[in-house]
Amino acid sequence: MARFAQLAKQLQSAINHNSEEKILIHTKQWYSKDKHRPITIYQIQQGEGRNKQLLFRTYSQIQMLLYLRDYWYTLNGWEVPHDNEQWEEVKAKYASPKDGEGTS
């Protein structure tokens, strides 16, 4: 698990170094009485102060890393790898729509 956190920090640092809009990774944790263990949620936000926009929310560090990887590829103008069809489904389900997108 420590390796995932280290990779997330490296990706966040690279993204923030090469982008005007900075991203933040927030974690929240609570104890689930049903599952008898701590639960952690990861949120990726962009912007500062009241202008923060939620980009992605998940309970999985791996999904968070895949989102950051895709963000990094998009930022650099590279083709996003499509090596995992399940990831595309997860991304579509949990990613927050940007302003004006997804509305009719």
N, C-alpha and C. Protein backbone atom coordinates (compact mmCIF):
# COMPACT_ATOMS: atom_id res chain seq x y z
N MET A 1 0.82 -1.19 0.00
CA MET A 1 0.00 0.00 0.00
C MET A 1 0.86 1.26 0.00
N ALA A 2 2.00 1.22 0.67
CA ALA A 2 2.86 2.40 0.70
C ALA A 2 3.36 2.74 -0.69
N ARG A 3 3.57 1.73 -1.51
CA ARG A 3 4.04 1.95 -2.89
C ARG A 3 2.98 2.71 -3.70
N PHE A 4 1.71 2.39 -3.50
CA PHE A 4 0.65 3.09 -4.21
C PHE A 4 0.62 4.56 -3.80
N ALA A 5 0.77 4.83 -2.52
CA ALA A 5 0.77 6.21 -2.03
C ALA A 5 1.95 6.98 -2.60
N GLN A 6 3.10 6.33 -2.71
CA GLN A 6 4.29 6.96 -3.26
C GLN A 6 4.08 7.28 -4.74
N LEU A 7 3.52 6.35 -5.49
CA LEU A 7 3.24 6.59 -6.91
C LEU A 7 2.23 7.72 -7.09
N ALA A 8 1.22 7.76 -6.24
CA ALA A 8 0.21 8.82 -6.32
C ALA A 8 0.86 10.19 -6.09
N LYS A 9 1.75 10.27 -5.10
CA LYS A 9 2.45 11.53 -4.82
C LYS A 9 3.32 11.95 -5.99
N GLN A 10 4.00 10.99 -6.61
CA GLN A 10 4.86 11.30 -7.75
C GLN A 10 4.03 11.81 -8.93
N LEU A 11 2.91 11.15 -9.20
CA LEU A 11 2.04 11.60 -10.29
C LEU A 11 1.46 12.98 -10.00
N GLN A 12 1.01 13.19 -8.76
CA GLN A 12 0.46 14.49 -8.38
C GLN A 12 1.52 15.58 -8.55
N SER A 13 2.72 15.31 -8.11
CA SER A 13 3.81 16.28 -8.23
C SER A 13 4.10 16.60 -9.70
N ALA A 14 4.17 15.59 -10.54
CA ALA A 14 4.44 15.79 -11.97
C ALA A 14 3.31 16.59 -12.62
N ILE A 15 2.06 16.27 -12.29
CA ILE A 15 0.91 16.98 -12.85
C ILE A 15 0.94 18.44 -12.43
N ASN A 16 1.16 18.68 -11.13
CA ASN A 16 1.16 20.05 -10.63
C ASN A 16 2.33 20.87 -11.16
N HIS A 17 3.45 20.21 -11.44
CA HIS A 17 4.61 20.91 -11.98
C HIS A 17 4.37 21.35 -13.43
N ASN A 18 3.58 20.58 -14.17
CA ASN A 18 3.38 20.84 -15.59
C ASN A 18 2.02 21.43 -15.93
N SER A 19 1.26 21.85 -14.94
CA SER A 19 -0.08 22.35 -15.20
C SER A 19 -0.33 23.61 -14.39
N GLU A 20 -1.11 24.53 -14.96
CA GLU A 20 -1.48 25.74 -14.22
C GLU A 20 -2.50 25.42 -13.14
N GLU A 21 -3.41 24.49 -13.42
CA GLU A 21 -4.44 24.11 -12.46
C GLU A 21 -3.91 22.97 -11.61
N LYS A 22 -3.74 23.23 -10.34
CA LYS A 22 -3.18 22.24 -9.42
C LYS A 22 -4.25 21.26 -8.97
N ILE A 23 -3.84 20.01 -8.74
CA ILE A 23 -4.77 19.01 -8.21
C ILE A 23 -4.37 18.67 -6.77
N LEU A 24 -5.36 18.31 -6.00
CA LEU A 24 -5.16 17.91 -4.61
C LEU A 24 -5.75 16.53 -4.40
N ILE A 25 -5.09 15.72 -3.60
CA ILE A 25 -5.62 14.41 -3.26
C ILE A 25 -6.02 14.45 -1.78
N HIS A 26 -7.29 14.22 -1.53
CA HIS A 26 -7.80 14.20 -0.17
C HIS A 26 -8.18 12.78 0.20
N THR A 27 -7.94 12.42 1.44
CA THR A 27 -8.39 11.13 1.95
C THR A 27 -9.25 11.36 3.18
N LYS A 28 -10.27 10.57 3.30
CA LYS A 28 -11.11 10.58 4.49
C LYS A 28 -11.22 9.13 4.95
N GLN A 29 -11.23 8.96 6.25
CA GLN A 29 -11.28 7.59 6.77
C GLN A 29 -12.25 7.54 7.95
N TRP A 30 -12.96 6.43 8.03
CA TRP A 30 -13.86 6.18 9.16
C TRP A 30 -13.92 4.68 9.40
N TYR A 31 -14.44 4.32 10.55
CA TYR A 31 -14.52 2.91 10.91
C TYR A 31 -15.91 2.38 10.57
N SER A 32 -15.95 1.29 9.82
CA SER A 32 -17.21 0.66 9.45
C SER A 32 -17.53 -0.44 10.46
N LYS A 33 -18.63 -0.27 11.16
CA LYS A 33 -19.04 -1.28 12.13
C LYS A 33 -19.51 -2.55 11.42
N ASP A 34 -20.10 -2.38 10.22
CA ASP A 34 -20.56 -3.53 9.45
C ASP A 34 -19.40 -4.41 8.98
N LYS A 35 -18.35 -3.77 8.49
CA LYS A 35 -17.22 -4.52 7.94
C LYS A 35 -16.10 -4.73 8.95
N HIS A 36 -16.22 -4.10 10.10
CA HIS A 36 -15.24 -4.24 11.18
C HIS A 36 -13.83 -3.86 10.74
N ARG A 37 -13.75 -2.74 10.02
CA ARG A 37 -12.43 -2.25 9.58
C ARG A 37 -12.55 -0.79 9.16
N PRO A 38 -11.41 -0.10 9.08
CA PRO A 38 -11.44 1.28 8.60
C PRO A 38 -11.71 1.32 7.10
N ILE A 39 -12.44 2.32 6.68
CA ILE A 39 -12.74 2.55 5.26
C ILE A 39 -12.11 3.88 4.87
N THR A 40 -11.43 3.90 3.74
CA THR A 40 -10.78 5.12 3.26
C THR A 40 -11.38 5.50 1.90
N ILE A 41 -11.67 6.78 1.74
CA ILE A 41 -12.13 7.29 0.45
C ILE A 41 -11.09 8.28 -0.06
N TYR A 42 -10.82 8.22 -1.35
CA TYR A 42 -9.84 9.09 -1.99
C TYR A 42 -10.58 10.04 -2.93
N GLN A 43 -10.26 11.33 -2.83
CA GLN A 43 -10.89 12.33 -3.69
C GLN A 43 -9.80 13.14 -4.37
N ILE A 44 -9.96 13.36 -5.65
CA ILE A 44 -9.03 14.20 -6.40
C ILE A 44 -9.79 15.45 -6.79
N GLN A 45 -9.24 16.60 -6.37
CA GLN A 45 -9.89 17.87 -6.63
C GLN A 45 -8.93 18.78 -7.38
N GLN A 46 -9.51 19.74 -8.09
CA GLN A 46 -8.73 20.71 -8.84
C GLN A 46 -9.17 22.09 -8.42
N GLY A 47 -8.24 23.03 -8.35
CA GLY A 47 -8.57 24.40 -7.99
C GLY A 47 -8.25 24.69 -6.54
N GLU A 48 -8.53 25.93 -6.16
CA GLU A 48 -8.23 26.37 -4.81
C GLU A 48 -9.42 27.09 -4.21
N GLY A 49 -9.47 27.12 -2.89
CA GLY A 49 -10.51 27.84 -2.17
C GLY A 49 -11.91 27.37 -2.54
N ARG A 50 -12.77 28.33 -2.81
CA ARG A 50 -14.16 28.00 -3.16
C ARG A 50 -14.31 27.48 -4.58
N ASN A 51 -13.26 27.57 -5.36
CA ASN A 51 -13.31 27.15 -6.76
C ASN A 51 -12.89 25.69 -6.96
N LYS A 52 -12.84 24.93 -5.88
CA LYS A 52 -12.45 23.52 -6.00
C LYS A 52 -13.51 22.75 -6.76
N GLN A 53 -13.04 21.87 -7.63
CA GLN A 53 -13.93 21.02 -8.41
C GLN A 53 -13.53 19.57 -8.18
N LEU A 54 -14.48 18.74 -7.80
CA LEU A 54 -14.22 17.32 -7.61
C LEU A 54 -14.06 16.66 -8.97
N LEU A 55 -12.91 16.04 -9.20
CA LEU A 55 -12.64 15.36 -10.46
C LEU A 55 -12.94 13.87 -10.37
N PHE A 56 -12.62 13.27 -9.22
CA PHE A 56 -12.74 11.81 -9.11
C PHE A 56 -12.84 11.43 -7.64
N ARG A 57 -13.64 10.40 -7.36
CA ARG A 57 -13.80 9.88 -5.99
C ARG A 57 -13.87 8.36 -6.06
N THR A 58 -13.13 7.70 -5.18
CA THR A 58 -13.11 6.24 -5.18
C THR A 58 -12.68 5.72 -3.81
N TYR A 59 -12.94 4.44 -3.58
CA TYR A 59 -12.48 3.76 -2.38
C TYR A 59 -11.22 2.94 -2.67
N SER A 60 -10.73 2.97 -3.90
CA SER A 60 -9.62 2.13 -4.32
C SER A 60 -8.40 2.97 -4.69
N GLN A 61 -7.25 2.67 -4.09
CA GLN A 61 -6.02 3.36 -4.45
C GLN A 61 -5.62 3.06 -5.90
N ILE A 62 -5.89 1.86 -6.34
CA ILE A 62 -5.53 1.49 -7.71
C ILE A 62 -6.34 2.31 -8.72
N GLN A 63 -7.64 2.47 -8.47
CA GLN A 63 -8.46 3.30 -9.36
C GLN A 63 -7.98 4.74 -9.34
N MET A 64 -7.56 5.24 -8.17
CA MET A 64 -7.04 6.60 -8.07
C MET A 64 -5.77 6.74 -8.92
N LEU A 65 -4.88 5.74 -8.85
CA LEU A 65 -3.65 5.77 -9.63
C LEU A 65 -3.94 5.73 -11.13
N LEU A 66 -4.89 4.91 -11.53
CA LEU A 66 -5.25 4.85 -12.95
C LEU A 66 -5.82 6.17 -13.43
N TYR A 67 -6.62 6.83 -12.60
CA TYR A 67 -7.16 8.14 -12.97
C TYR A 67 -6.02 9.15 -13.12
N LEU A 68 -5.09 9.17 -12.16
CA LEU A 68 -3.95 10.09 -12.25
C LEU A 68 -3.10 9.81 -13.47
N ARG A 69 -2.91 8.52 -13.79
CA ARG A 69 -2.15 8.16 -14.99
C ARG A 69 -2.83 8.71 -16.24
N ASP A 70 -4.14 8.52 -16.34
CA ASP A 70 -4.87 9.02 -17.50
C ASP A 70 -4.82 10.55 -17.57
N TYR A 71 -4.91 11.20 -16.42
CA TYR A 71 -4.82 12.66 -16.36
C TYR A 71 -3.46 13.13 -16.87
N TRP A 72 -2.39 12.44 -16.45
CA TRP A 72 -1.03 12.76 -16.86
C TRP A 72 -0.86 12.60 -18.38
N TYR A 73 -1.38 11.51 -18.91
CA TYR A 73 -1.29 11.28 -20.36
C TYR A 73 -2.05 12.36 -21.12
N THR A 74 -3.24 12.71 -20.66
CA THR A 74 -4.05 13.73 -21.31
C THR A 74 -3.35 15.09 -21.24
N LEU A 75 -2.79 15.43 -20.11
CA LEU A 75 -2.09 16.69 -19.92
C LEU A 75 -0.93 16.84 -20.91
N ASN A 76 -0.25 15.75 -21.19
CA ASN A 76 0.89 15.78 -22.10
C ASN A 76 0.50 15.58 -23.56
N GLY A 77 -0.79 15.38 -23.82
CA GLY A 77 -1.24 15.19 -25.20
C GLY A 77 -0.95 13.82 -25.76
N TRP A 78 -0.68 12.87 -24.88
CA TRP A 78 -0.40 11.50 -25.31
C TRP A 78 -1.70 10.73 -25.38
N GLU A 79 -1.70 9.67 -26.17
CA GLU A 79 -2.87 8.80 -26.23
C GLU A 79 -2.98 8.03 -24.92
N VAL A 80 -4.18 8.07 -24.35
CA VAL A 80 -4.42 7.38 -23.08
C VAL A 80 -4.45 5.88 -23.36
N PRO A 81 -3.69 5.09 -22.60
CA PRO A 81 -3.69 3.64 -22.81
C PRO A 81 -5.08 3.04 -22.57
N HIS A 82 -5.48 2.16 -23.43
CA HIS A 82 -6.77 1.47 -23.28
C HIS A 82 -6.50 0.00 -22.99
N ASP A 83 -5.68 -0.22 -21.96
CA ASP A 83 -5.26 -1.57 -21.63
C ASP A 83 -6.20 -2.29 -20.69
N ASN A 84 -7.25 -1.62 -20.27
CA ASN A 84 -8.13 -2.25 -19.32
C ASN A 84 -9.57 -1.80 -19.56
N GLU A 85 -10.37 -2.64 -20.17
CA GLU A 85 -11.75 -2.28 -20.47
C GLU A 85 -12.56 -2.02 -19.20
N GLN A 86 -12.27 -2.76 -18.14
CA GLN A 86 -12.97 -2.55 -16.88
C GLN A 86 -12.72 -1.14 -16.35
N TRP A 87 -11.49 -0.64 -16.53
CA TRP A 87 -11.17 0.69 -16.05
C TRP A 87 -12.03 1.73 -16.75
N GLU A 88 -12.29 1.57 -18.02
CA GLU A 88 -13.14 2.52 -18.74
C GLU A 88 -14.54 2.55 -18.14
N GLU A 89 -15.05 1.39 -17.75
CA GLU A 89 -16.37 1.33 -17.11
C GLU A 89 -16.35 2.02 -15.76
N VAL A 90 -15.31 1.78 -14.97
CA VAL A 90 -15.19 2.40 -13.66
C VAL A 90 -15.08 3.91 -13.80
N LYS A 91 -14.25 4.35 -14.73
CA LYS A 91 -14.05 5.78 -14.93
C LYS A 91 -15.37 6.46 -15.32
N ALA A 92 -16.12 5.83 -16.21
CA ALA A 92 -17.39 6.39 -16.63
C ALA A 92 -18.39 6.44 -15.48
N LYS A 93 -18.32 5.46 -14.59
CA LYS A 93 -19.28 5.39 -13.50
C LYS A 93 -18.97 6.36 -12.37
N TYR A 94 -17.70 6.54 -12.02
CA TYR A 94 -17.34 7.30 -10.83
C TYR A 94 -16.76 8.68 -11.08
N ALA A 95 -16.31 8.96 -12.28
CA ALA A 95 -15.76 10.28 -12.55
C ALA A 95 -16.88 11.32 -12.55
N SER A 96 -16.59 12.46 -11.97
CA SER A 96 -17.58 13.54 -11.93
C SER A 96 -17.62 14.23 -13.29
N PRO A 97 -18.82 14.50 -13.81
CA PRO A 97 -18.88 15.24 -15.08
C PRO A 97 -18.38 16.66 -14.88
N LYS A 98 -17.67 17.17 -15.85
CA LYS A 98 -17.19 18.55 -15.78
C LYS A 98 -18.36 19.49 -16.03
N ASP A 99 -18.16 20.74 -15.70
CA ASP A 99 -19.23 21.73 -15.88
C ASP A 99 -19.75 21.72 -17.30
N GLY A 100 -21.05 21.55 -17.42
CA GLY A 100 -21.69 21.60 -18.72
C GLY A 100 -21.71 20.28 -19.46
N GLU A 101 -20.92 19.31 -19.04
CA GLU A 101 -20.89 18.02 -19.72
C GLU A 101 -21.94 17.11 -19.11
N GLY A 102 -22.48 16.27 -19.91
CA GLY A 102 -23.41 15.27 -19.42
C GLY A 102 -24.80 15.79 -19.11
N THR A 103 -25.03 17.06 -19.44
CA THR A 103 -26.37 17.62 -19.21
C THR A 103 -26.99 17.96 -20.54
N SER A 104 -28.30 17.89 -20.59
CA SER A 104 -28.96 18.22 -21.85
C SER A 104 -29.66 19.53 -21.75
